N, C-alpha and C. Protein backbone atom coordinates (compact mmCIF):
# COMPACT_ATOMS: atom_id res chain seq x y z
N MET A 1 -9.13 40.53 -211.15
CA MET A 1 -8.06 41.50 -211.14
C MET A 1 -7.69 41.80 -209.68
N ASN A 2 -6.42 41.69 -209.39
CA ASN A 2 -6.00 41.95 -208.00
C ASN A 2 -5.64 43.41 -207.81
N THR A 3 -5.35 43.75 -206.58
CA THR A 3 -5.11 45.16 -206.22
C THR A 3 -3.92 45.75 -206.98
N LYS A 4 -2.85 44.99 -207.11
CA LYS A 4 -1.66 45.50 -207.83
C LYS A 4 -1.98 45.80 -209.29
N GLU A 5 -2.77 44.94 -209.91
CA GLU A 5 -3.16 45.18 -211.30
C GLU A 5 -4.01 46.42 -211.43
N LYS A 6 -4.93 46.61 -210.48
CA LYS A 6 -5.78 47.80 -210.49
C LYS A 6 -4.96 49.05 -210.35
N ILE A 7 -4.01 49.04 -209.43
CA ILE A 7 -3.16 50.21 -209.23
C ILE A 7 -2.38 50.50 -210.50
N SER A 8 -1.82 49.48 -211.12
CA SER A 8 -1.07 49.65 -212.34
C SER A 8 -1.93 50.21 -213.46
N ASN A 9 -3.15 49.70 -213.57
CA ASN A 9 -4.08 50.17 -214.61
C ASN A 9 -4.46 51.64 -214.40
N TYR A 10 -4.69 52.02 -213.14
CA TYR A 10 -5.04 53.41 -212.86
C TYR A 10 -3.85 54.33 -213.08
N GLN A 11 -2.64 53.86 -212.79
CA GLN A 11 -1.45 54.67 -213.07
C GLN A 11 -1.29 54.89 -214.57
N LEU A 12 -1.55 53.86 -215.36
CA LEU A 12 -1.49 53.99 -216.81
C LEU A 12 -2.57 54.94 -217.30
N LEU A 13 -3.75 54.83 -216.76
CA LEU A 13 -4.86 55.71 -217.13
C LEU A 13 -4.50 57.16 -216.84
N LEU A 14 -3.91 57.42 -215.68
CA LEU A 14 -3.51 58.77 -215.32
C LEU A 14 -2.46 59.31 -216.27
N ALA A 15 -1.49 58.50 -216.64
CA ALA A 15 -0.45 58.92 -217.58
C ALA A 15 -1.05 59.23 -218.94
N GLN A 16 -1.98 58.41 -219.38
CA GLN A 16 -2.65 58.65 -220.66
C GLN A 16 -3.45 59.95 -220.62
N LEU A 17 -4.15 60.19 -219.53
CA LEU A 17 -4.94 61.40 -219.40
C LEU A 17 -4.04 62.64 -219.39
N GLU A 18 -2.94 62.58 -218.67
CA GLU A 18 -2.01 63.69 -218.65
C GLU A 18 -1.47 64.01 -220.04
N ALA A 19 -1.19 62.96 -220.82
CA ALA A 19 -0.70 63.16 -222.18
C ALA A 19 -1.79 63.79 -223.06
N LEU A 20 -3.02 63.38 -222.87
CA LEU A 20 -4.12 63.95 -223.66
C LEU A 20 -4.34 65.42 -223.34
N LEU A 21 -4.20 65.80 -222.07
CA LEU A 21 -4.50 67.15 -221.64
C LEU A 21 -3.35 68.12 -221.86
N GLU A 22 -2.15 67.58 -222.02
CA GLU A 22 -0.96 68.42 -222.14
C GLU A 22 -1.06 69.38 -223.33
N GLY A 23 -0.93 70.66 -223.04
CA GLY A 23 -0.91 71.67 -224.10
C GLY A 23 -2.28 72.11 -224.58
N GLU A 24 -3.34 71.48 -224.14
CA GLU A 24 -4.70 71.85 -224.57
C GLU A 24 -5.31 72.76 -223.52
N THR A 25 -5.76 73.94 -223.92
CA THR A 25 -6.33 74.90 -223.00
C THR A 25 -7.84 74.93 -223.04
N ASN A 26 -8.43 74.33 -224.05
CA ASN A 26 -9.88 74.33 -224.19
C ASN A 26 -10.50 73.33 -223.22
N ALA A 27 -11.31 73.85 -222.30
CA ALA A 27 -11.90 72.99 -221.26
C ALA A 27 -12.82 71.95 -221.85
N LEU A 28 -13.60 72.31 -222.85
CA LEU A 28 -14.53 71.35 -223.45
C LEU A 28 -13.77 70.21 -224.15
N ALA A 29 -12.71 70.55 -224.83
CA ALA A 29 -11.89 69.53 -225.48
C ALA A 29 -11.27 68.60 -224.43
N ASN A 30 -10.81 69.17 -223.34
CA ASN A 30 -10.21 68.34 -222.28
C ASN A 30 -11.24 67.40 -221.66
N LEU A 31 -12.43 67.92 -221.40
CA LEU A 31 -13.49 67.07 -220.84
C LEU A 31 -13.89 65.96 -221.82
N SER A 32 -13.97 66.31 -223.09
CA SER A 32 -14.32 65.31 -224.11
C SER A 32 -13.26 64.22 -224.19
N ASN A 33 -12.01 64.61 -224.19
CA ASN A 33 -10.94 63.63 -224.25
C ASN A 33 -10.91 62.75 -223.00
N ALA A 34 -11.13 63.35 -221.85
CA ALA A 34 -11.15 62.57 -220.60
C ALA A 34 -12.31 61.59 -220.61
N SER A 35 -13.45 62.04 -221.07
CA SER A 35 -14.62 61.17 -221.16
C SER A 35 -14.40 60.00 -222.10
N ALA A 36 -13.81 60.27 -223.25
CA ALA A 36 -13.54 59.21 -224.23
C ALA A 36 -12.53 58.19 -223.66
N LEU A 37 -11.52 58.69 -222.98
CA LEU A 37 -10.52 57.80 -222.39
C LEU A 37 -11.16 56.90 -221.33
N LEU A 38 -11.96 57.49 -220.45
CA LEU A 38 -12.61 56.69 -219.40
C LEU A 38 -13.57 55.67 -220.00
N ASN A 39 -14.27 56.06 -221.08
CA ASN A 39 -15.20 55.14 -221.73
C ASN A 39 -14.46 53.93 -222.28
N GLN A 40 -13.28 54.14 -222.82
CA GLN A 40 -12.51 53.03 -223.38
C GLN A 40 -11.78 52.21 -222.32
N ALA A 41 -11.37 52.86 -221.23
CA ALA A 41 -10.51 52.19 -220.26
C ALA A 41 -11.27 51.41 -219.18
N LEU A 42 -12.46 51.87 -218.85
CA LEU A 42 -13.21 51.25 -217.76
C LEU A 42 -14.24 50.26 -218.31
N PRO A 43 -14.47 49.18 -217.58
CA PRO A 43 -15.44 48.18 -218.06
C PRO A 43 -16.88 48.68 -218.01
């Protein structure tokens, strides 16, 4: 994977995380969702 692909993947990951966190005020739910996303997205 080259640098441009990594940047693109991290930008997508950030957009997905922002969508997951939007409107949720519970910190534990946000941490759980972030953890699940990272678990699926990273090798």
